[in-house]
């Protein structure tokens, strides 16, 4: 059981890295880091198409990563 969970964790981590790397950048530079949160807070742009799929995939694999990590810690 532990081997299966560890294998799934490694696959999930690789998929999460791929999802993060495939996402397009929202803004660049220091000014983008400051104003980027405000744009998303007020909903200036909604993610559509591939960006929405990548965002949902990132969230899903991130949650799965935490669940598998806690499961492995419980099994040890």
C-alpha atoms as a PDB file:
ATOM      1  CA  UNK A   1       0.000   0.000   0.000  1.00  0.00           C
ATOM      2  CA  UNK A   2       2.837   2.359   0.846  1.00  0.00           C
ATOM      3  CA  UNK A   3       4.560   1.674  -2.474  1.00  0.00           C
ATOM      4  CA  UNK A   4       1.394   2.469  -4.406  1.00  0.00           C
ATOM      5  CA  UNK A   5       0.900   5.728  -2.483  1.00  0.00           C
ATOM      6  CA  UNK A   6       4.530   6.752  -3.044  1.00  0.00           C
ATOM      7  CA  UNK A   7       4.263   6.014  -6.763  1.00  0.00           C
ATOM      8  CA  UNK A   8       1.070   8.049  -7.040  1.00  0.00           C
ATOM      9  CA  UNK A   9       2.723  10.895  -5.122  1.00  0.00           C
ATOM     10  CA  UNK A  10       5.672  10.997  -7.530  1.00  0.00           C
ATOM     11  CA  UNK A  11       3.387  10.940 -10.578  1.00  0.00           C
ATOM     12  CA  UNK A  12       1.195  13.660  -9.049  1.00  0.00           C
ATOM     13  CA  UNK A  13       4.220  15.847  -8.303  1.00  0.00           C
ATOM     14  CA  UNK A  14       5.437  15.556 -11.902  1.00  0.00           C
ATOM     15  CA  UNK A  15       1.983  16.396 -13.276  1.00  0.00           C
ATOM     16  CA  UNK A  16       1.729  19.382 -10.913  1.00  0.00           C
ATOM     17  CA  UNK A  17       5.091  20.699 -12.124  1.00  0.00           C
ATOM     18  CA  UNK A  18       3.969  20.339 -15.744  1.00  0.00           C
ATOM     19  CA  UNK A  19       0.684  22.184 -15.054  1.00  0.00           C
ATOM     20  CA  UNK A  20       2.486  25.055 -13.366  1.00  0.00           C
ATOM     21  CA  UNK A  21       5.054  25.378 -16.129  1.00  0.00           C
ATOM     22  CA  UNK A  22       2.419  25.366 -18.874  1.00  0.00           C
ATOM     23  CA  UNK A  23       0.433  28.245 -17.377  1.00  0.00           C
ATOM     24  CA  UNK A  24       0.886  31.643 -18.957  1.00  0.00           C
ATOM     25  CA  UNK A  25       2.339  34.462 -16.883  1.00  0.00           C
ATOM     26  CA  UNK A  26      -0.195  36.964 -15.591  1.00  0.00           C
ATOM     27  CA  UNK A  27       2.190  39.906 -15.248  1.00  0.00           C
ATOM     28  CA  UNK A  28       5.889  40.647 -15.246  1.00  0.00           C
ATOM     29  CA  UNK A  29       8.252  42.613 -13.067  1.00  0.00           C
ATOM     30  CA  UNK A  30       7.892  44.190  -9.653  1.00  0.00           C
ATOM     31  CA  UNK A  31       4.936  46.369 -10.659  1.00  0.00           C
ATOM     32  CA  UNK A  32       3.084  43.266 -11.794  1.00  0.00           C
ATOM     33  CA  UNK A  33       3.707  41.605  -8.458  1.00  0.00           C
ATOM     34  CA  UNK A  34       2.150  44.555  -6.657  1.00  0.00           C
ATOM     35  CA  UNK A  35      -0.830  45.150  -8.951  1.00  0.00           C
ATOM     36  CA  UNK A  36      -1.382  41.524  -9.986  1.00  0.00           C
ATOM     37  CA  UNK A  37      -3.331  40.625  -6.859  1.00  0.00           C
ATOM     38  CA  UNK A  38      -5.648  43.616  -7.214  1.00  0.00           C
ATOM     39  CA  UNK A  39      -6.530  42.681 -10.785  1.00  0.00           C
ATOM     40  CA  UNK A  40      -7.459  39.181  -9.767  1.00  0.00           C
ATOM     41  CA  UNK A  41      -9.314  40.360  -6.658  1.00  0.00           C
ATOM     42  CA  UNK A  42     -11.711  42.530  -8.616  1.00  0.00           C
ATOM     43  CA  UNK A  43     -12.149  39.978 -11.397  1.00  0.00           C
ATOM     44  CA  UNK A  44     -10.846  42.065 -14.254  1.00  0.00           C
ATOM     45  CA  UNK A  45     -10.240  38.986 -16.384  1.00  0.00           C
ATOM     46  CA  UNK A  46     -11.733  35.546 -16.215  1.00  0.00           C
ATOM     47  CA  UNK A  47      -9.642  32.595 -17.270  1.00  0.00           C
ATOM     48  CA  UNK A  48     -11.037  30.862 -20.338  1.00  0.00           C
ATOM     49  CA  UNK A  49     -10.120  27.876 -22.411  1.00  0.00           C
ATOM     50  CA  UNK A  50      -6.757  26.281 -21.803  1.00  0.00           C
ATOM     51  CA  UNK A  51      -5.886  28.618 -18.923  1.00  0.00           C
ATOM     52  CA  UNK A  52      -9.020  27.562 -17.040  1.00  0.00           C
ATOM     53  CA  UNK A  53      -8.249  23.875 -17.573  1.00  0.00           C
ATOM     54  CA  UNK A  54      -4.656  24.352 -16.413  1.00  0.00           C
ATOM     55  CA  UNK A  55      -5.822  26.298 -13.346  1.00  0.00           C
ATOM     56  CA  UNK A  56      -8.326  23.609 -12.354  1.00  0.00           C
ATOM     57  CA  UNK A  57      -5.738  20.898 -12.971  1.00  0.00           C
ATOM     58  CA  UNK A  58      -3.202  22.730 -10.820  1.00  0.00           C
ATOM     59  CA  UNK A  59      -5.653  23.075  -7.942  1.00  0.00           C
ATOM     60  CA  UNK A  60      -6.757  19.451  -8.216  1.00  0.00           C
ATOM     61  CA  UNK A  61      -3.247  18.023  -8.344  1.00  0.00           C
ATOM     62  CA  UNK A  62      -2.165  20.320  -5.504  1.00  0.00           C
ATOM     63  CA  UNK A  63      -4.960  19.057  -3.266  1.00  0.00           C
ATOM     64  CA  UNK A  64      -4.171  15.471  -4.279  1.00  0.00           C
ATOM     65  CA  UNK A  65      -0.518  16.076  -3.419  1.00  0.00           C
ATOM     66  CA  UNK A  66      -1.443  17.100   0.136  1.00  0.00           C
ATOM     67  CA  UNK A  67      -3.872  14.194   0.560  1.00  0.00           C
ATOM     68  CA  UNK A  68      -1.289  11.652  -0.613  1.00  0.00           C
ATOM     69  CA  UNK A  69       1.379  13.214   1.585  1.00  0.00           C
ATOM     70  CA  UNK A  70      -0.814  12.964   4.670  1.00  0.00           C
ATOM     71  CA  UNK A  71      -1.799   9.391   3.737  1.00  0.00           C
ATOM     72  CA  UNK A  72       1.841   8.366   3.443  1.00  0.00           C
ATOM     73  CA  UNK A  73       2.651   9.996   6.782  1.00  0.00           C
ATOM     74  CA  UNK A  74      -0.263   8.101   8.347  1.00  0.00           C
ATOM     75  CA  UNK A  75       0.900   4.800   6.846  1.00  0.00           C
ATOM     76  CA  UNK A  76       4.413   5.248   8.199  1.00  0.00           C
END
